[in-house]
Amino acid sequence: MKHFVKGFLFGTVATIGAVAGAVLSFKKRVVEPIEDEEERFEDNRKRAARKSRSAHHG
């Protein structure tokens, strides 16, 4: 019974670790590049708006 409990706890910890690693990997490979691209688009939009305003005030 003692070996079963140790094995079960080790398996549970290993599974939790694997799931956490998969979630972090997904965030790093998929979510962050999308957020970076959206941020870049937003910066470009702001820059274009400033440029447009300054072009019409001169």
C-alpha atoms as a PDB file:
ATOM      1  CA  MET A   1       0.000   0.000   0.000  1.00  0.00           C
ATOM      2  CA  LYS A   2       2.895   2.344   0.793  1.00  0.00           C
ATOM      3  CA  HIS A   3       4.361   1.949  -2.712  1.00  0.00           C
ATOM      4  CA  PHE A   4       0.980   2.646  -4.283  1.00  0.00           C
ATOM      5  CA  VAL A   5       0.581   5.922  -2.372  1.00  0.00           C
ATOM      6  CA  LYS A   6       4.116   7.054  -3.262  1.00  0.00           C
ATOM      7  CA  GLY A   7       3.580   6.157  -6.906  1.00  0.00           C
ATOM      8  CA  PHE A   8       0.198   7.842  -6.998  1.00  0.00           C
ATOM      9  CA  LEU A   9       1.573  11.052  -5.465  1.00  0.00           C
ATOM     10  CA  PHE A  10       4.565  11.054  -7.794  1.00  0.00           C
ATOM     11  CA  GLY A  11       2.301  10.492 -10.799  1.00  0.00           C
ATOM     12  CA  THR A  12      -0.001  13.297  -9.701  1.00  0.00           C
ATOM     13  CA  VAL A  13       2.888  15.732  -9.257  1.00  0.00           C
ATOM     14  CA  ALA A  14       4.402  14.697 -12.594  1.00  0.00           C
ATOM     15  CA  THR A  15       1.063  15.156 -14.372  1.00  0.00           C
ATOM     16  CA  ILE A  16       0.526  18.578 -12.820  1.00  0.00           C
ATOM     17  CA  GLY A  17       4.050  19.555 -13.855  1.00  0.00           C
ATOM     18  CA  ALA A  18       3.495  18.356 -17.418  1.00  0.00           C
ATOM     19  CA  VAL A  19       0.212  20.262 -17.705  1.00  0.00           C
ATOM     20  CA  ALA A  20       1.811  23.430 -16.300  1.00  0.00           C
ATOM     21  CA  GLY A  21       4.683  23.095 -18.758  1.00  0.00           C
ATOM     22  CA  ALA A  22       2.276  22.648 -21.663  1.00  0.00           C
ATOM     23  CA  VAL A  23       0.263  25.711 -20.633  1.00  0.00           C
ATOM     24  CA  LEU A  24       3.372  27.871 -20.294  1.00  0.00           C
ATOM     25  CA  SER A  25       4.720  26.610 -23.603  1.00  0.00           C
ATOM     26  CA  PHE A  26       1.411  27.371 -25.352  1.00  0.00           C
ATOM     27  CA  LYS A  27       1.372  30.864 -23.867  1.00  0.00           C
ATOM     28  CA  LYS A  28       4.950  31.494 -24.986  1.00  0.00           C
ATOM     29  CA  ARG A  29       4.525  30.105 -28.523  1.00  0.00           C
ATOM     30  CA  VAL A  30       0.968  31.255 -29.352  1.00  0.00           C
ATOM     31  CA  VAL A  31      -0.437  33.923 -27.048  1.00  0.00           C
ATOM     32  CA  GLU A  32       2.558  36.241 -26.631  1.00  0.00           C
ATOM     33  CA  PRO A  33       3.280  36.606 -30.394  1.00  0.00           C
ATOM     34  CA  ILE A  34      -0.378  37.520 -30.988  1.00  0.00           C
ATOM     35  CA  GLU A  35      -0.271  40.093 -28.185  1.00  0.00           C
ATOM     36  CA  ASP A  36       2.992  41.525 -29.536  1.00  0.00           C
ATOM     37  CA  GLU A  37       1.508  41.831 -33.021  1.00  0.00           C
ATOM     38  CA  GLU A  38      -1.613  43.556 -31.684  1.00  0.00           C
ATOM     39  CA  GLU A  39       0.577  45.968 -29.710  1.00  0.00           C
ATOM     40  CA  ARG A  40       2.611  46.729 -32.847  1.00  0.00           C
ATOM     41  CA  PHE A  41      -0.585  47.401 -34.844  1.00  0.00           C
ATOM     42  CA  GLU A  42      -1.844  49.711 -32.095  1.00  0.00           C
ATOM     43  CA  ASP A  43       1.457  51.637 -32.062  1.00  0.00           C
ATOM     44  CA  ASN A  44       1.347  51.991 -35.853  1.00  0.00           C
ATOM     45  CA  ARG A  45      -2.249  53.217 -35.685  1.00  0.00           C
ATOM     46  CA  LYS A  46      -1.341  55.842 -33.061  1.00  0.00           C
ATOM     47  CA  ARG A  47       1.681  56.943 -35.075  1.00  0.00           C
ATOM     48  CA  ALA A  48      -0.412  57.279 -38.243  1.00  0.00           C
ATOM     49  CA  ALA A  49      -3.039  59.317 -36.400  1.00  0.00           C
ATOM     50  CA  ARG A  50      -0.383  61.722 -35.047  1.00  0.00           C
ATOM     51  CA  LYS A  51       1.182  62.040 -38.485  1.00  0.00           C
ATOM     52  CA  SER A  52      -2.197  62.725 -40.069  1.00  0.00           C
ATOM     53  CA  ARG A  53      -3.067  65.415 -37.505  1.00  0.00           C
ATOM     54  CA  SER A  54       0.282  67.141 -37.896  1.00  0.00           C
ATOM     55  CA  ALA A  55      -0.015  67.091 -41.700  1.00  0.00           C
ATOM     56  CA  HIS A  56      -3.347  68.930 -41.572  1.00  0.00           C
ATOM     57  CA  HIS A  57      -2.197  71.652 -39.184  1.00  0.00           C
ATOM     58  CA  GLY A  58       0.565  73.023 -41.307  1.00  0.00           C
END
